[in-house]
Amino acid sequence: MTAALLALQALTNLSLAPAGPGLPRGWTLQHIKGAAAPVFAVTRAHALRIEADAAAAFASYRLRAPLRPRPGTLSWQWRTTTPLRDAALRQRARDDAPARVFLVFADGRMLFYSWGAREGRGEHFLSWTGAKRGVLVLERADDADGSWHMERRDPFADYRLVFDRAPKAIVAAGVSADTDQLRVRATAEVSELMWEPR
């Protein structure tokens, strides 16, 4: 039991961040041209709350040391009460999501675990924004009921699945939300990302 607990690794510092408005120290906000940034806050439960009102941005945290490819499980919880039923992740004009968890790899590729709309769970594809961005849908609009959803993924196997090549090390992780295409408001919360090697 103790060994298993010691093997768990938080990818970011969210679990240690004090509650309050804004991003935790050490996080970087990447703005999207022409869009306002969502409002971020750390909750008392150490989740990152995102409120996006016709807004879009990426909030990322660079890992203290790269996570090399090896068997393991990345887990987190997230929730939203905002189903974006008119979104369509494959279409530029409707590519919005109340929450996305993303990983940045050493080769510059990014994998976005996305809260989708009508897409099927497990559906994956390359983003219209470029071949170095992959999308993997984990939840749908019908799942946006405010309850916490637990995700457990093998990110290196997912990299192979989406990009069809050998995975590189993970160098950063983050959370994003975007509602700038549909011009709507969405709220979501995402917990710390935990890595457990096998």
N, C-alpha and C. Protein backbone atom coordinates (compact mmCIF):
# COMPACT_ATOMS: atom_id res chain seq x y z
N MET A 1 0.83 -1.20 0.00
CA MET A 1 0.00 0.00 0.00
C MET A 1 0.86 1.25 0.00
N THR A 2 1.87 1.26 0.91
CA THR A 2 2.75 2.43 0.99
C THR A 2 3.54 2.61 -0.30
N ALA A 3 4.04 1.49 -0.85
CA ALA A 3 4.81 1.58 -2.10
C ALA A 3 3.96 2.11 -3.23
N ALA A 4 2.69 1.68 -3.27
CA ALA A 4 1.80 2.16 -4.32
C ALA A 4 1.55 3.64 -4.21
N LEU A 5 1.38 4.12 -2.97
CA LEU A 5 1.15 5.55 -2.76
C LEU A 5 2.38 6.35 -3.14
N LEU A 6 3.56 5.82 -2.83
CA LEU A 6 4.79 6.53 -3.14
C LEU A 6 5.02 6.59 -4.65
N ALA A 7 4.49 5.61 -5.38
CA ALA A 7 4.67 5.58 -6.83
C ALA A 7 3.82 6.63 -7.53
N LEU A 8 2.76 7.09 -6.89
CA LEU A 8 1.90 8.11 -7.50
C LEU A 8 2.66 9.42 -7.63
N GLN A 9 2.53 10.06 -8.77
CA GLN A 9 3.22 11.32 -9.02
C GLN A 9 2.24 12.34 -9.57
N ALA A 10 2.16 13.49 -8.92
CA ALA A 10 1.35 14.59 -9.44
C ALA A 10 2.13 15.26 -10.56
N LEU A 11 1.49 15.44 -11.70
CA LEU A 11 2.19 16.05 -12.83
C LEU A 11 2.35 17.55 -12.68
N THR A 12 1.44 18.20 -11.96
CA THR A 12 1.51 19.64 -11.77
C THR A 12 1.58 19.95 -10.28
N ASN A 13 1.49 21.22 -9.93
CA ASN A 13 1.49 21.62 -8.51
C ASN A 13 0.09 21.99 -8.03
N LEU A 14 -0.94 21.59 -8.77
CA LEU A 14 -2.30 21.97 -8.42
C LEU A 14 -2.71 21.46 -7.05
N SER A 15 -2.27 20.26 -6.71
CA SER A 15 -2.66 19.67 -5.42
C SER A 15 -2.07 20.42 -4.24
N LEU A 16 -1.06 21.25 -4.47
CA LEU A 16 -0.43 22.02 -3.40
C LEU A 16 -0.81 23.50 -3.43
N ALA A 17 -1.52 23.91 -4.45
CA ALA A 17 -1.82 25.33 -4.63
C ALA A 17 -2.90 25.80 -3.66
N PRO A 18 -2.76 26.99 -3.09
CA PRO A 18 -3.81 27.52 -2.22
C PRO A 18 -5.03 27.92 -3.03
N ALA A 19 -6.19 27.82 -2.40
CA ALA A 19 -7.44 28.22 -3.07
C ALA A 19 -7.42 29.72 -3.33
N GLY A 20 -8.00 30.10 -4.46
CA GLY A 20 -8.08 31.51 -4.78
C GLY A 20 -8.16 31.74 -6.27
N PRO A 21 -8.37 32.99 -6.67
CA PRO A 21 -8.51 33.31 -8.09
C PRO A 21 -7.20 33.20 -8.84
N GLY A 22 -7.29 32.94 -10.14
CA GLY A 22 -6.12 32.87 -10.98
C GLY A 22 -5.51 31.49 -11.04
N LEU A 23 -4.47 31.37 -11.86
CA LEU A 23 -3.75 30.12 -12.00
C LEU A 23 -2.73 29.95 -10.88
N PRO A 24 -2.39 28.71 -10.52
CA PRO A 24 -1.34 28.50 -9.52
C PRO A 24 0.00 29.05 -10.03
N ARG A 25 0.88 29.33 -9.10
CA ARG A 25 2.21 29.80 -9.47
C ARG A 25 2.92 28.75 -10.32
N GLY A 26 3.61 29.19 -11.36
CA GLY A 26 4.33 28.28 -12.23
C GLY A 26 3.57 27.87 -13.48
N TRP A 27 2.27 28.19 -13.52
CA TRP A 27 1.48 27.89 -14.71
C TRP A 27 1.60 29.04 -15.71
N THR A 28 1.44 28.71 -16.99
CA THR A 28 1.54 29.69 -18.06
C THR A 28 0.23 29.73 -18.84
N LEU A 29 -0.25 30.93 -19.12
CA LEU A 29 -1.47 31.10 -19.89
C LEU A 29 -1.11 31.47 -21.33
N GLN A 30 -1.57 30.66 -22.28
CA GLN A 30 -1.35 30.93 -23.69
C GLN A 30 -2.65 31.44 -24.29
N HIS A 31 -2.64 32.67 -24.74
CA HIS A 31 -3.85 33.29 -25.28
C HIS A 31 -4.11 32.83 -26.71
N ILE A 32 -5.35 32.85 -27.10
CA ILE A 32 -5.77 32.56 -28.47
C ILE A 32 -6.09 33.89 -29.14
N LYS A 33 -5.51 34.11 -30.31
CA LYS A 33 -5.70 35.37 -31.01
C LYS A 33 -7.18 35.66 -31.26
N GLY A 34 -7.60 36.84 -30.85
CA GLY A 34 -8.97 37.27 -31.08
C GLY A 34 -9.97 36.81 -30.06
N ALA A 35 -9.52 36.08 -29.03
CA ALA A 35 -10.44 35.56 -28.01
C ALA A 35 -10.04 36.05 -26.62
N ALA A 36 -11.01 36.33 -25.81
CA ALA A 36 -10.75 36.63 -24.40
C ALA A 36 -10.32 35.35 -23.71
N ALA A 37 -9.61 35.49 -22.60
CA ALA A 37 -9.18 34.31 -21.84
C ALA A 37 -10.24 33.91 -20.83
N PRO A 38 -10.41 32.61 -20.59
CA PRO A 38 -11.30 32.18 -19.52
C PRO A 38 -10.81 32.68 -18.16
N VAL A 39 -11.69 32.61 -17.18
CA VAL A 39 -11.34 32.96 -15.80
C VAL A 39 -11.00 31.66 -15.06
N PHE A 40 -9.82 31.63 -14.45
CA PHE A 40 -9.36 30.44 -13.74
C PHE A 40 -9.36 30.72 -12.23
N ALA A 41 -9.58 29.65 -11.45
CA ALA A 41 -9.49 29.75 -10.00
C ALA A 41 -9.20 28.37 -9.44
N VAL A 42 -8.48 28.32 -8.33
CA VAL A 42 -8.22 27.07 -7.63
C VAL A 42 -9.28 26.93 -6.53
N THR A 43 -9.97 25.81 -6.51
CA THR A 43 -11.01 25.59 -5.51
C THR A 43 -10.40 25.06 -4.21
N ARG A 44 -11.21 25.02 -3.16
CA ARG A 44 -10.73 24.49 -1.88
C ARG A 44 -10.39 23.00 -1.97
N ALA A 45 -10.98 22.33 -2.95
CA ALA A 45 -10.69 20.91 -3.15
C ALA A 45 -9.50 20.70 -4.08
N HIS A 46 -8.77 21.78 -4.39
CA HIS A 46 -7.59 21.75 -5.25
C HIS A 46 -7.91 21.29 -6.67
N ALA A 47 -9.05 21.71 -7.15
CA ALA A 47 -9.38 21.55 -8.57
C ALA A 47 -9.21 22.90 -9.24
N LEU A 48 -8.98 22.87 -10.54
CA LEU A 48 -8.88 24.12 -11.30
C LEU A 48 -10.24 24.38 -11.94
N ARG A 49 -10.84 25.49 -11.56
CA ARG A 49 -12.14 25.87 -12.09
C ARG A 49 -11.93 26.81 -13.28
N ILE A 50 -12.67 26.55 -14.36
CA ILE A 50 -12.54 27.34 -15.58
C ILE A 50 -13.91 27.87 -15.97
N GLU A 51 -14.00 29.17 -16.13
CA GLU A 51 -15.22 29.80 -16.63
C GLU A 51 -14.89 30.49 -17.94
N ALA A 52 -15.48 29.97 -19.01
CA ALA A 52 -15.21 30.51 -20.34
C ALA A 52 -16.48 31.12 -20.91
N ASP A 53 -16.49 32.43 -21.06
CA ASP A 53 -17.63 33.15 -21.63
C ASP A 53 -17.20 33.71 -22.98
N ALA A 54 -17.52 32.99 -24.05
CA ALA A 54 -17.04 33.32 -25.40
C ALA A 54 -15.53 33.53 -25.35
N ALA A 55 -14.83 32.59 -24.71
CA ALA A 55 -13.40 32.74 -24.44
C ALA A 55 -12.66 31.46 -24.81
N ALA A 56 -11.32 31.57 -24.86
CA ALA A 56 -10.47 30.42 -25.17
C ALA A 56 -9.04 30.72 -24.77
N ALA A 57 -8.37 29.72 -24.18
CA ALA A 57 -6.96 29.84 -23.83
C ALA A 57 -6.46 28.49 -23.32
N PHE A 58 -5.13 28.35 -23.27
CA PHE A 58 -4.49 27.16 -22.73
C PHE A 58 -3.75 27.54 -21.45
N ALA A 59 -3.93 26.76 -20.41
CA ALA A 59 -3.18 26.94 -19.17
C ALA A 59 -2.29 25.72 -18.98
N SER A 60 -0.98 25.91 -18.97
CA SER A 60 -0.07 24.76 -18.94
C SER A 60 0.95 24.87 -17.83
N TYR A 61 1.47 23.70 -17.46
CA TYR A 61 2.49 23.60 -16.42
C TYR A 61 3.62 22.72 -16.95
N ARG A 62 4.83 23.24 -16.96
CA ARG A 62 5.97 22.45 -17.44
C ARG A 62 6.43 21.51 -16.34
N LEU A 63 6.54 20.22 -16.67
CA LEU A 63 6.94 19.22 -15.69
C LEU A 63 8.35 19.50 -15.19
N ARG A 64 8.61 19.20 -13.93
CA ARG A 64 9.95 19.42 -13.37
C ARG A 64 10.98 18.53 -14.06
N ALA A 65 10.54 17.34 -14.50
CA ALA A 65 11.40 16.45 -15.27
C ALA A 65 10.52 15.75 -16.31
N PRO A 66 11.01 15.57 -17.52
CA PRO A 66 10.19 14.89 -18.54
C PRO A 66 9.76 13.50 -18.07
N LEU A 67 8.55 13.13 -18.43
CA LEU A 67 8.04 11.80 -18.12
C LEU A 67 8.29 10.91 -19.33
N ARG A 68 9.27 10.03 -19.19
CA ARG A 68 9.68 9.18 -20.31
C ARG A 68 8.63 8.12 -20.59
N PRO A 69 8.52 7.69 -21.85
CA PRO A 69 7.54 6.65 -22.19
C PRO A 69 7.77 5.36 -21.42
N ARG A 70 6.75 4.91 -20.75
CA ARG A 70 6.77 3.64 -20.03
C ARG A 70 5.34 3.30 -19.64
N PRO A 71 5.07 2.04 -19.34
CA PRO A 71 3.71 1.66 -18.96
C PRO A 71 3.25 2.37 -17.70
N GLY A 72 2.02 2.82 -17.71
CA GLY A 72 1.48 3.50 -16.55
C GLY A 72 0.11 4.08 -16.85
N THR A 73 -0.45 4.72 -15.84
CA THR A 73 -1.81 5.26 -15.95
C THR A 73 -1.83 6.71 -15.50
N LEU A 74 -2.40 7.56 -16.34
CA LEU A 74 -2.66 8.95 -15.98
C LEU A 74 -4.13 9.05 -15.58
N SER A 75 -4.39 9.58 -14.39
CA SER A 75 -5.78 9.67 -13.93
C SER A 75 -6.10 11.08 -13.45
N TRP A 76 -7.36 11.45 -13.59
CA TRP A 76 -7.86 12.71 -13.09
C TRP A 76 -9.38 12.64 -13.04
N GLN A 77 -9.98 13.62 -12.38
CA GLN A 77 -11.42 13.78 -12.38
C GLN A 77 -11.78 15.14 -12.95
N TRP A 78 -12.94 15.21 -13.58
CA TRP A 78 -13.42 16.50 -14.08
C TRP A 78 -14.94 16.49 -14.13
N ARG A 79 -15.49 17.68 -14.18
CA ARG A 79 -16.94 17.79 -14.25
C ARG A 79 -17.32 19.12 -14.89
N THR A 80 -18.53 19.13 -15.45
CA THR A 80 -19.11 20.35 -16.00
C THR A 80 -20.62 20.23 -15.97
N THR A 81 -21.28 21.35 -15.87
CA THR A 81 -22.74 21.40 -15.96
C THR A 81 -23.18 22.05 -17.26
N THR A 82 -22.22 22.20 -18.17
CA THR A 82 -22.48 22.96 -19.40
C THR A 82 -22.34 22.08 -20.63
N PRO A 83 -23.40 21.44 -21.08
CA PRO A 83 -23.31 20.66 -22.32
C PRO A 83 -23.31 21.56 -23.55
N LEU A 84 -22.27 21.49 -24.34
CA LEU A 84 -22.20 22.28 -25.57
C LEU A 84 -22.70 21.42 -26.73
N ARG A 85 -24.00 21.28 -26.81
CA ARG A 85 -24.61 20.34 -27.76
C ARG A 85 -24.42 20.76 -29.22
N ASP A 86 -24.17 22.04 -29.47
CA ASP A 86 -23.99 22.51 -30.84
C ASP A 86 -22.53 22.49 -31.28
N ALA A 87 -21.64 22.04 -30.39
CA ALA A 87 -20.22 21.98 -30.75
C ALA A 87 -19.95 20.78 -31.65
N ALA A 88 -18.88 20.87 -32.40
CA ALA A 88 -18.42 19.77 -33.26
C ALA A 88 -16.90 19.88 -33.36
N LEU A 89 -16.19 18.98 -32.70
CA LEU A 89 -14.75 19.13 -32.54
C LEU A 89 -13.96 19.02 -33.84
N ARG A 90 -14.56 18.46 -34.87
CA ARG A 90 -13.87 18.34 -36.15
C ARG A 90 -14.05 19.57 -37.04
N GLN A 91 -14.97 20.46 -36.65
CA GLN A 91 -15.30 21.60 -37.51
C GLN A 91 -14.77 22.90 -36.90
N ARG A 92 -14.02 23.63 -37.68
CA ARG A 92 -13.41 24.86 -37.18
C ARG A 92 -14.44 25.83 -36.60
N ALA A 93 -15.58 25.97 -37.25
CA ALA A 93 -16.58 26.95 -36.83
C ALA A 93 -17.32 26.55 -35.56
N ARG A 94 -17.18 25.27 -35.14
CA ARG A 94 -17.91 24.82 -33.95
C ARG A 94 -17.02 24.02 -32.99
N ASP A 95 -15.72 24.22 -33.10
CA ASP A 95 -14.76 23.46 -32.29
C ASP A 95 -14.63 24.09 -30.90
N ASP A 96 -15.60 23.82 -30.05
CA ASP A 96 -15.61 24.32 -28.67
C ASP A 96 -15.76 23.15 -27.70
N ALA A 97 -15.24 23.33 -26.49
CA ALA A 97 -15.36 22.31 -25.45
C ALA A 97 -15.34 22.99 -24.09
N PRO A 98 -16.16 22.52 -23.14
CA PRO A 98 -16.14 23.12 -21.80
C PRO A 98 -14.86 22.83 -21.04
N ALA A 99 -14.17 21.74 -21.42
CA ALA A 99 -12.90 21.41 -20.77
C ALA A 99 -12.10 20.45 -21.65
N ARG A 100 -10.80 20.64 -21.61
CA ARG A 100 -9.86 19.72 -22.25
C ARG A 100 -8.66 19.59 -21.33
N VAL A 101 -8.16 18.39 -21.20
CA VAL A 101 -6.88 18.15 -20.53
C VAL A 101 -5.89 17.82 -21.63
N PHE A 102 -4.75 18.50 -21.64
CA PHE A 102 -3.81 18.25 -22.73
C PHE A 102 -2.41 17.94 -22.20
N LEU A 103 -1.68 17.19 -23.02
CA LEU A 103 -0.30 16.82 -22.74
C LEU A 103 0.56 17.33 -23.88
N VAL A 104 1.74 17.84 -23.54
CA VAL A 104 2.70 18.31 -24.54
C VAL A 104 3.88 17.35 -24.53
N PHE A 105 4.26 16.86 -25.68
CA PHE A 105 5.34 15.89 -25.81
C PHE A 105 6.61 16.57 -26.32
N ALA A 106 7.73 15.87 -26.15
CA ALA A 106 9.03 16.46 -26.46
C ALA A 106 9.18 16.82 -27.94
N ASP A 107 8.40 16.19 -28.82
CA ASP A 107 8.49 16.49 -30.24
C ASP A 107 7.54 17.61 -30.67
N GLY A 108 6.90 18.27 -29.68
CA GLY A 108 6.00 19.38 -29.98
C GLY A 108 4.57 18.96 -30.22
N ARG A 109 4.30 17.66 -30.28
CA ARG A 109 2.92 17.22 -30.45
C ARG A 109 2.13 17.40 -29.17
N MET A 110 0.83 17.64 -29.34
CA MET A 110 -0.07 17.83 -28.20
C MET A 110 -1.24 16.88 -28.34
N LEU A 111 -1.60 16.25 -27.23
CA LEU A 111 -2.74 15.34 -27.19
C LEU A 111 -3.81 15.96 -26.29
N PHE A 112 -4.99 16.18 -26.86
CA PHE A 112 -6.08 16.82 -26.13
C PHE A 112 -7.15 15.78 -25.77
N TYR A 113 -7.29 15.50 -24.48
CA TYR A 113 -8.41 14.70 -23.99
C TYR A 113 -9.58 15.67 -23.85
N SER A 114 -10.60 15.47 -24.65
CA SER A 114 -11.63 16.50 -24.78
C SER A 114 -12.99 16.06 -24.29
N TRP A 115 -13.70 17.02 -23.71
CA TRP A 115 -15.11 16.84 -23.37
C TRP A 115 -15.89 17.24 -24.62
N GLY A 116 -16.39 16.25 -25.33
CA GLY A 116 -17.00 16.51 -26.62
C GLY A 116 -18.47 16.84 -26.54
N ALA A 117 -19.12 16.73 -27.69
CA ALA A 117 -20.55 17.03 -27.80
C ALA A 117 -21.29 15.77 -28.22
N ARG A 118 -21.37 15.53 -29.52
CA ARG A 118 -22.05 14.34 -30.02
C ARG A 118 -21.08 13.27 -30.50
N GLU A 119 -19.79 13.56 -30.44
CA GLU A 119 -18.80 12.57 -30.83
C GLU A 119 -18.89 11.34 -29.90
N GLY A 120 -18.43 10.22 -30.39
CA GLY A 120 -18.44 9.02 -29.57
C GLY A 120 -17.28 9.00 -28.59
N ARG A 121 -17.50 8.41 -27.42
CA ARG A 121 -16.40 8.25 -26.47
C ARG A 121 -15.32 7.36 -27.09
N GLY A 122 -14.09 7.80 -27.00
CA GLY A 122 -12.99 7.06 -27.60
C GLY A 122 -12.69 7.47 -29.02
N GLU A 123 -13.52 8.31 -29.60
CA GLU A 123 -13.26 8.79 -30.96
C GLU A 123 -11.98 9.62 -30.96
N HIS A 124 -11.14 9.43 -31.96
CA HIS A 124 -9.87 10.17 -32.00
C HIS A 124 -9.58 10.60 -33.43
N PHE A 125 -8.89 11.73 -33.54
CA PHE A 125 -8.58 12.29 -34.85
C PHE A 125 -7.56 13.41 -34.69
N LEU A 126 -6.95 13.78 -35.79
CA LEU A 126 -6.04 14.93 -35.78
C LEU A 126 -6.86 16.20 -35.89
N SER A 127 -6.44 17.22 -35.17
CA SER A 127 -7.16 18.49 -35.14
C SER A 127 -7.05 19.21 -36.47
N TRP A 128 -8.06 19.99 -36.79
CA TRP A 128 -8.02 20.84 -37.99
C TRP A 128 -6.93 21.91 -37.86
N THR A 129 -6.45 22.16 -36.64
CA THR A 129 -5.43 23.18 -36.44
C THR A 129 -4.05 22.72 -36.88
N GLY A 130 -3.87 21.40 -37.08
CA GLY A 130 -2.57 20.92 -37.53
C GLY A 130 -2.33 19.47 -37.14
N ALA A 131 -1.42 18.82 -37.87
CA ALA A 131 -1.17 17.39 -37.68
C ALA A 131 -0.43 17.08 -36.39
N LYS A 132 0.06 18.10 -35.70
CA LYS A 132 0.75 17.86 -34.43
C LYS A 132 -0.18 17.97 -33.23
N ARG A 133 -1.46 18.16 -33.49
CA ARG A 133 -2.44 18.21 -32.41
C ARG A 133 -3.47 17.10 -32.60
N GLY A 134 -3.54 16.21 -31.62
CA GLY A 134 -4.48 15.11 -31.68
C GLY A 134 -5.58 15.28 -30.65
N VAL A 135 -6.76 14.77 -30.98
CA VAL A 135 -7.94 14.88 -30.11
C VAL A 135 -8.43 13.47 -29.78
N LEU A 136 -8.71 13.24 -28.51
CA LEU A 136 -9.31 11.99 -28.07
C LEU A 136 -10.49 12.33 -27.18
N VAL A 137 -11.69 11.95 -27.60
CA VAL A 137 -12.92 12.32 -26.89
C VAL A 137 -13.18 11.33 -25.76
N LEU A 138 -13.36 11.85 -24.55
CA LEU A 138 -13.62 10.99 -23.39
C LEU A 138 -15.04 11.11 -22.87
N GLU A 139 -15.64 12.28 -22.96
CA GLU A 139 -17.00 12.48 -22.47
C GLU A 139 -17.80 13.21 -23.54
N ARG A 140 -19.14 13.19 -23.39
CA ARG A 140 -20.03 13.80 -24.37
C ARG A 140 -20.92 14.84 -23.69
N ALA A 141 -21.65 15.59 -24.49
CA ALA A 141 -22.55 16.61 -23.93
C ALA A 141 -23.54 16.00 -22.94
N ASP A 142 -24.00 14.78 -23.22
CA ASP A 142 -24.96 14.12 -22.33
C ASP A 142 -24.37 13.81 -20.96
N ASP A 143 -23.03 13.83 -20.84
CA ASP A 143 -22.38 13.53 -19.56
C ASP A 143 -22.18 14.77 -18.69
N ALA A 144 -22.56 15.92 -19.20
CA ALA A 144 -22.34 17.18 -18.49
C ALA A 144 -23.45 17.42 -17.48
N ASP A 145 -23.46 16.58 -16.43
CA ASP A 145 -24.53 16.64 -15.43
C ASP A 145 -24.05 17.16 -14.08
N GLY A 146 -22.82 17.65 -14.02
CA GLY A 146 -22.29 18.20 -12.78
C GLY A 146 -21.60 17.19 -11.89
N SER A 147 -21.69 15.90 -12.23
CA SER A 147 -21.03 14.87 -11.41
C SER A 147 -19.58 14.71 -11.86
N TRP A 148 -18.74 14.25 -10.91
CA TRP A 148 -17.33 14.03 -11.23
C TRP A 148 -17.18 12.77 -12.09
N HIS A 149 -16.37 12.87 -13.11
CA HIS A 149 -16.07 11.73 -13.98
C HIS A 149 -14.58 11.40 -13.83
N MET A 150 -14.29 10.15 -13.50
CA MET A 150 -12.91 9.71 -13.35
C MET A 150 -12.38 9.19 -14.68
N GLU A 151 -11.20 9.65 -15.05
CA GLU A 151 -10.56 9.17 -16.27
C GLU A 151 -9.26 8.46 -15.90
N ARG A 152 -8.99 7.36 -16.58
CA ARG A 152 -7.74 6.61 -16.41
C ARG A 152 -7.24 6.25 -17.80
N ARG A 153 -6.11 6.83 -18.18
CA ARG A 153 -5.59 6.66 -19.53
C ARG A 153 -4.10 6.29 -19.51
N ASP A 154 -3.69 5.55 -20.51
CA ASP A 154 -2.28 5.32 -20.78
C ASP A 154 -1.87 6.33 -21.84
N PRO A 155 -1.23 7.42 -21.48
CA PRO A 155 -0.98 8.50 -22.46
C PRO A 155 -0.04 8.11 -23.58
N PHE A 156 0.87 7.19 -23.31
CA PHE A 156 1.81 6.81 -24.35
C PHE A 156 1.14 5.87 -25.36
N ALA A 157 0.24 5.01 -24.88
CA ALA A 157 -0.55 4.19 -25.81
C ALA A 157 -1.50 5.09 -26.61
N ASP A 158 -2.05 6.12 -25.97
CA ASP A 158 -2.93 7.05 -26.68
C ASP A 158 -2.16 7.84 -27.74
N TYR A 159 -0.93 8.19 -27.44
CA TYR A 159 -0.08 8.88 -28.43
C TYR A 159 0.08 7.99 -29.67
N ARG A 160 0.40 6.71 -29.44
CA ARG A 160 0.53 5.78 -30.57
C ARG A 160 -0.77 5.68 -31.37
N LEU A 161 -1.88 5.62 -30.64
CA LEU A 161 -3.18 5.48 -31.28
C LEU A 161 -3.50 6.68 -32.17
N VAL A 162 -3.27 7.87 -31.66
CA VAL A 162 -3.66 9.09 -32.37
C VAL A 162 -2.65 9.48 -33.45
N PHE A 163 -1.36 9.37 -33.14
CA PHE A 163 -0.34 9.85 -34.07
C PHE A 163 0.34 8.75 -34.90
N ASP A 164 0.09 7.50 -34.53
CA ASP A 164 0.62 6.35 -35.27
C ASP A 164 2.14 6.38 -35.36
N ARG A 165 2.79 6.62 -34.22
CA ARG A 165 4.24 6.59 -34.15
C ARG A 165 4.66 6.37 -32.70
N ALA A 166 5.93 6.09 -32.51
CA ALA A 166 6.44 5.84 -31.16
C ALA A 166 6.36 7.12 -30.32
N PRO A 167 5.90 7.00 -29.08
CA PRO A 167 5.71 8.20 -28.25
C PRO A 167 7.02 8.79 -27.75
N LYS A 168 6.98 10.09 -27.51
CA LYS A 168 8.09 10.81 -26.90
C LYS A 168 7.74 11.13 -25.44
N ALA A 169 8.67 11.72 -24.74
CA ALA A 169 8.45 12.07 -23.34
C ALA A 169 7.42 13.19 -23.22
N ILE A 170 6.68 13.18 -22.11
CA ILE A 170 5.75 14.26 -21.78
C ILE A 170 6.54 15.36 -21.07
N VAL A 171 6.45 16.59 -21.56
CA VAL A 171 7.21 17.69 -20.97
C VAL A 171 6.32 18.73 -20.29
N ALA A 172 5.02 18.72 -20.60
CA ALA A 172 4.11 19.69 -19.98
C ALA A 172 2.70 19.11 -20.01
N ALA A 173 1.86 19.64 -19.14
CA ALA A 173 0.46 19.23 -19.06
C ALA A 173 -0.37 20.46 -18.77
N GLY A 174 -1.64 20.39 -19.09
CA GLY A 174 -2.46 21.56 -18.83
C GLY A 174 -3.94 21.33 -19.05
N VAL A 175 -4.66 22.44 -18.94
CA VAL A 175 -6.12 22.43 -19.04
C VAL A 175 -6.53 23.59 -19.94
N SER A 176 -7.53 23.36 -20.75
CA SER A 176 -8.05 24.44 -21.57
C SER A 176 -9.56 24.35 -21.66
N ALA A 177 -10.15 25.43 -22.10
CA ALA A 177 -11.58 25.49 -22.40
C ALA A 177 -11.75 26.50 -23.51
N ASP A 178 -12.73 26.27 -24.38
CA ASP A 178 -12.96 27.23 -25.44
C ASP A 178 -14.44 27.25 -25.82
N THR A 179 -14.96 28.46 -25.81
CA THR A 179 -16.37 28.70 -26.20
C THR A 179 -16.45 29.90 -27.14
N ASP A 180 -15.31 30.22 -27.77
CA ASP A 180 -15.25 31.42 -28.60
C ASP A 180 -15.95 31.26 -29.94
N GLN A 181 -16.10 30.03 -30.41
CA GLN A 181 -16.77 29.84 -31.70
C GLN A 181 -18.29 29.96 -31.56
N LEU A 182 -18.84 29.31 -30.55
CA LEU A 182 -20.29 29.34 -30.35
C LEU A 182 -20.75 30.57 -29.58
N ARG A 183 -19.80 31.30 -28.98
CA ARG A 183 -20.11 32.51 -28.22
C ARG A 183 -21.06 32.20 -27.07
N VAL A 184 -20.72 31.16 -26.30
CA VAL A 184 -21.54 30.75 -25.16
C VAL A 184 -20.68 30.73 -23.91
N ARG A 185 -21.31 30.41 -22.77
CA ARG A 185 -20.61 30.35 -21.49
C ARG A 185 -20.56 28.91 -21.00
N ALA A 186 -19.42 28.50 -20.49
CA ALA A 186 -19.25 27.15 -19.94
C ALA A 186 -18.41 27.21 -18.68
N THR A 187 -18.70 26.31 -17.77
CA THR A 187 -17.94 26.20 -16.51
C THR A 187 -17.57 24.74 -16.29
N ALA A 188 -16.33 24.52 -15.87
CA ALA A 188 -15.86 23.16 -15.61
C ALA A 188 -14.82 23.18 -14.50
N GLU A 189 -14.56 22.01 -13.91
CA GLU A 189 -13.52 21.85 -12.92
C GLU A 189 -12.71 20.60 -13.26
N VAL A 190 -11.39 20.71 -13.07
CA VAL A 190 -10.47 19.60 -13.37
C VAL A 190 -9.55 19.41 -12.17
N SER A 191 -9.37 18.17 -11.75
CA SER A 191 -8.51 17.87 -10.60
C SER A 191 -7.05 17.76 -11.04
N GLU A 192 -6.20 17.49 -10.06
CA GLU A 192 -4.79 17.22 -10.34
C GLU A 192 -4.67 16.01 -11.25
N LEU A 193 -3.64 16.01 -12.08
CA LEU A 193 -3.32 14.87 -12.95
C LEU A 193 -2.31 13.99 -12.24
N MET A 194 -2.66 12.72 -12.05
CA MET A 194 -1.80 11.80 -11.29
C MET A 194 -1.26 10.71 -12.21
N TRP A 195 0.03 10.46 -12.09
CA TRP A 195 0.69 9.42 -12.88
C TRP A 195 1.06 8.25 -11.95
N GLU A 196 0.69 7.06 -12.38
CA GLU A 196 1.02 5.85 -11.62
C GLU A 196 1.70 4.85 -12.55
N PRO A 197 3.01 4.63 -12.40
CA PRO A 197 3.69 3.67 -13.27
C PRO A 197 3.27 2.24 -12.93
N ARG A 198 3.35 1.38 -13.94
CA ARG A 198 3.04 -0.02 -13.71
C ARG A 198 4.32 -0.83 -13.62
